[in-house]
């Protein structure tokens, strides 16, 4: 998990390959030893979407956190229902009550 006090989106020292959180994706290298944390991936990890495939599926619908500005809580509910109705082979995913509430809460964050 990322070090305490590290601001999402900030460059962090990752010389040993540690502190990438639950995210096992290969991060973008900025300079030797610095890693840029993708804000949307980090938010999805904090919400509880630990599986990389689930985060990628959600990012196909909501690419960046700034895209959430135009969404409503009803949109999140519809997205949750859309994934729950899919077959397992088509990418079924259950959000659960807690993750749905946390995803809805991100709608109210002020992105600058």
C-alpha atoms as a PDB file:
ATOM      1  CA  UNK A   1       0.000   0.000   0.000  1.00  0.00           C
ATOM      2  CA  UNK A   2       1.162   3.554  -0.602  1.00  0.00           C
ATOM      3  CA  UNK A   3       3.032   5.244   2.185  1.00  0.00           C
ATOM      4  CA  UNK A   4       1.057   7.328   4.647  1.00  0.00           C
ATOM      5  CA  UNK A   5       1.035  10.962   3.690  1.00  0.00           C
ATOM      6  CA  UNK A   6       1.577  10.363  -0.036  1.00  0.00           C
ATOM      7  CA  UNK A   7      -0.804  12.507  -2.045  1.00  0.00           C
ATOM      8  CA  UNK A   8      -2.558  10.645  -4.906  1.00  0.00           C
ATOM      9  CA  UNK A   9      -1.032  11.625  -8.221  1.00  0.00           C
ATOM     10  CA  UNK A  10       2.238  12.653  -6.575  1.00  0.00           C
ATOM     11  CA  UNK A  11       5.532  11.131  -7.650  1.00  0.00           C
ATOM     12  CA  UNK A  12       6.768   8.658  -5.051  1.00  0.00           C
ATOM     13  CA  UNK A  13      10.139   6.973  -4.682  1.00  0.00           C
ATOM     14  CA  UNK A  14       9.781   3.347  -5.651  1.00  0.00           C
ATOM     15  CA  UNK A  15      13.339   2.147  -6.150  1.00  0.00           C
ATOM     16  CA  UNK A  16      12.561  -1.269  -4.640  1.00  0.00           C
ATOM     17  CA  UNK A  17       9.220  -1.843  -6.401  1.00  0.00           C
ATOM     18  CA  UNK A  18       7.357  -1.376  -3.122  1.00  0.00           C
ATOM     19  CA  UNK A  19       4.583   0.998  -2.050  1.00  0.00           C
ATOM     20  CA  UNK A  20       2.445   0.484  -5.142  1.00  0.00           C
ATOM     21  CA  UNK A  21      -0.563  -0.450  -3.051  1.00  0.00           C
ATOM     22  CA  UNK A  22      -2.745  -3.355  -4.097  1.00  0.00           C
ATOM     23  CA  UNK A  23      -2.224  -2.261  -7.688  1.00  0.00           C
ATOM     24  CA  UNK A  24      -0.001  -4.740  -9.496  1.00  0.00           C
ATOM     25  CA  UNK A  25      -0.027  -2.857 -12.787  1.00  0.00           C
ATOM     26  CA  UNK A  26       3.241  -1.513 -14.106  1.00  0.00           C
ATOM     27  CA  UNK A  27       3.250   2.236 -13.359  1.00  0.00           C
ATOM     28  CA  UNK A  28       4.543   4.922 -15.702  1.00  0.00           C
ATOM     29  CA  UNK A  29       8.177   5.784 -15.078  1.00  0.00           C
ATOM     30  CA  UNK A  30       8.868   9.518 -14.866  1.00  0.00           C
ATOM     31  CA  UNK A  31      12.520   9.501 -13.955  1.00  0.00           C
ATOM     32  CA  UNK A  32      14.765   6.940 -12.317  1.00  0.00           C
ATOM     33  CA  UNK A  33      13.096   5.799  -9.106  1.00  0.00           C
ATOM     34  CA  UNK A  34       9.944   7.950  -9.451  1.00  0.00           C
ATOM     35  CA  UNK A  35       6.495   6.568 -10.155  1.00  0.00           C
ATOM     36  CA  UNK A  36       3.337   8.512 -11.007  1.00  0.00           C
ATOM     37  CA  UNK A  37       0.278   7.094  -9.262  1.00  0.00           C
ATOM     38  CA  UNK A  38      -2.814   7.053 -11.483  1.00  0.00           C
ATOM     39  CA  UNK A  39      -5.453   8.852  -9.430  1.00  0.00           C
ATOM     40  CA  UNK A  40      -8.450   6.886 -10.735  1.00  0.00           C
ATOM     41  CA  UNK A  41      -6.713   3.555 -10.106  1.00  0.00           C
ATOM     42  CA  UNK A  42      -5.807   4.661  -6.588  1.00  0.00           C
ATOM     43  CA  UNK A  43      -9.381   5.782  -5.874  1.00  0.00           C
ATOM     44  CA  UNK A  44     -10.730   2.429  -7.081  1.00  0.00           C
ATOM     45  CA  UNK A  45      -8.225   0.610  -4.856  1.00  0.00           C
ATOM     46  CA  UNK A  46      -9.314   2.695  -1.849  1.00  0.00           C
ATOM     47  CA  UNK A  47     -12.946   1.921  -2.632  1.00  0.00           C
ATOM     48  CA  UNK A  48     -12.154  -1.791  -2.603  1.00  0.00           C
ATOM     49  CA  UNK A  49     -11.746  -2.813  -6.240  1.00  0.00           C
ATOM     50  CA  UNK A  50      -8.539  -4.796  -5.672  1.00  0.00           C
ATOM     51  CA  UNK A  51      -8.728  -6.975  -8.799  1.00  0.00           C
ATOM     52  CA  UNK A  52      -6.928  -5.357 -11.739  1.00  0.00           C
ATOM     53  CA  UNK A  53      -9.479  -6.680 -14.278  1.00  0.00           C
ATOM     54  CA  UNK A  54     -12.347  -5.101 -12.318  1.00  0.00           C
ATOM     55  CA  UNK A  55     -10.587  -1.726 -12.210  1.00  0.00           C
ATOM     56  CA  UNK A  56      -9.872  -1.884 -15.923  1.00  0.00           C
ATOM     57  CA  UNK A  57     -13.527  -2.700 -16.630  1.00  0.00           C
ATOM     58  CA  UNK A  58     -14.678   0.274 -14.547  1.00  0.00           C
ATOM     59  CA  UNK A  59     -12.088   2.536 -16.165  1.00  0.00           C
ATOM     60  CA  UNK A  60     -13.560   1.643 -19.564  1.00  0.00           C
ATOM     61  CA  UNK A  61     -16.736   3.409 -18.366  1.00  0.00           C
ATOM     62  CA  UNK A  62     -15.147   6.053 -16.103  1.00  0.00           C
ATOM     63  CA  UNK A  63     -11.668   6.815 -17.446  1.00  0.00           C
ATOM     64  CA  UNK A  64     -10.636   9.576 -15.050  1.00  0.00           C
ATOM     65  CA  UNK A  65     -11.965  11.014 -11.842  1.00  0.00           C
ATOM     66  CA  UNK A  66     -12.817  14.249 -13.695  1.00  0.00           C
ATOM     67  CA  UNK A  67     -15.290  12.206 -15.783  1.00  0.00           C
ATOM     68  CA  UNK A  68     -17.339  11.615 -12.635  1.00  0.00           C
ATOM     69  CA  UNK A  69     -18.388  15.274 -12.544  1.00  0.00           C
ATOM     70  CA  UNK A  70     -21.162  14.589 -15.065  1.00  0.00           C
ATOM     71  CA  UNK A  71     -22.434  11.433 -13.329  1.00  0.00           C
ATOM     72  CA  UNK A  72     -25.254  11.123 -10.821  1.00  0.00           C
ATOM     73  CA  UNK A  73     -25.857   8.580  -8.082  1.00  0.00           C
ATOM     74  CA  UNK A  74     -28.453   7.009 -10.379  1.00  0.00           C
ATOM     75  CA  UNK A  75     -25.724   6.513 -13.018  1.00  0.00           C
ATOM     76  CA  UNK A  76     -23.584   4.646 -10.477  1.00  0.00           C
ATOM     77  CA  UNK A  77     -26.564   2.459  -9.520  1.00  0.00           C
ATOM     78  CA  UNK A  78     -27.214   1.698 -13.192  1.00  0.00           C
ATOM     79  CA  UNK A  79     -23.527   0.876 -13.718  1.00  0.00           C
ATOM     80  CA  UNK A  80     -23.607  -1.464 -10.724  1.00  0.00           C
ATOM     81  CA  UNK A  81     -26.740  -3.183 -12.049  1.00  0.00           C
ATOM     82  CA  UNK A  82     -25.225  -3.451 -15.545  1.00  0.00           C
ATOM     83  CA  UNK A  83     -22.206  -5.373 -14.243  1.00  0.00           C
ATOM     84  CA  UNK A  84     -24.316  -7.536 -11.916  1.00  0.00           C
ATOM     85  CA  UNK A  85     -26.573  -8.671 -14.797  1.00  0.00           C
ATOM     86  CA  UNK A  86     -23.690  -9.821 -16.991  1.00  0.00           C
ATOM     87  CA  UNK A  87     -22.716 -13.472 -17.293  1.00  0.00           C
ATOM     88  CA  UNK A  88     -19.476 -14.606 -15.690  1.00  0.00           C
ATOM     89  CA  UNK A  89     -17.776 -14.844 -19.096  1.00  0.00           C
ATOM     90  CA  UNK A  90     -18.948 -11.330 -20.018  1.00  0.00           C
ATOM     91  CA  UNK A  91     -17.348  -9.854 -16.882  1.00  0.00           C
ATOM     92  CA  UNK A  92     -19.912 -10.083 -14.077  1.00  0.00           C
ATOM     93  CA  UNK A  93     -18.902  -8.057 -11.066  1.00  0.00           C
ATOM     94  CA  UNK A  94     -20.764  -7.433  -7.835  1.00  0.00           C
ATOM     95  CA  UNK A  95     -20.023  -4.067  -6.276  1.00  0.00           C
ATOM     96  CA  UNK A  96     -21.678  -4.721  -2.959  1.00  0.00           C
ATOM     97  CA  UNK A  97     -23.324  -2.066  -0.799  1.00  0.00           C
ATOM     98  CA  UNK A  98     -20.144  -0.634   0.715  1.00  0.00           C
ATOM     99  CA  UNK A  99     -18.269  -0.231  -2.583  1.00  0.00           C
ATOM    100  CA  UNK A 100     -21.386   1.237  -4.243  1.00  0.00           C
ATOM    101  CA  UNK A 101     -21.705   3.819  -1.444  1.00  0.00           C
ATOM    102  CA  UNK A 102     -18.018   4.707  -1.674  1.00  0.00           C
ATOM    103  CA  UNK A 103     -18.211   5.057  -5.459  1.00  0.00           C
ATOM    104  CA  UNK A 104     -21.218   7.363  -5.082  1.00  0.00           C
ATOM    105  CA  UNK A 105     -19.315   9.386  -2.476  1.00  0.00           C
ATOM    106  CA  UNK A 106     -16.564  10.107  -5.003  1.00  0.00           C
ATOM    107  CA  UNK A 107     -19.112  12.026  -7.063  1.00  0.00           C
ATOM    108  CA  UNK A 108     -19.037  14.748  -4.433  1.00  0.00           C
ATOM    109  CA  UNK A 109     -15.252  15.246  -4.418  1.00  0.00           C
ATOM    110  CA  UNK A 110     -14.061  18.534  -5.799  1.00  0.00           C
ATOM    111  CA  UNK A 111     -11.541  17.937  -8.579  1.00  0.00           C
ATOM    112  CA  UNK A 112      -9.209  20.828  -9.287  1.00  0.00           C
END
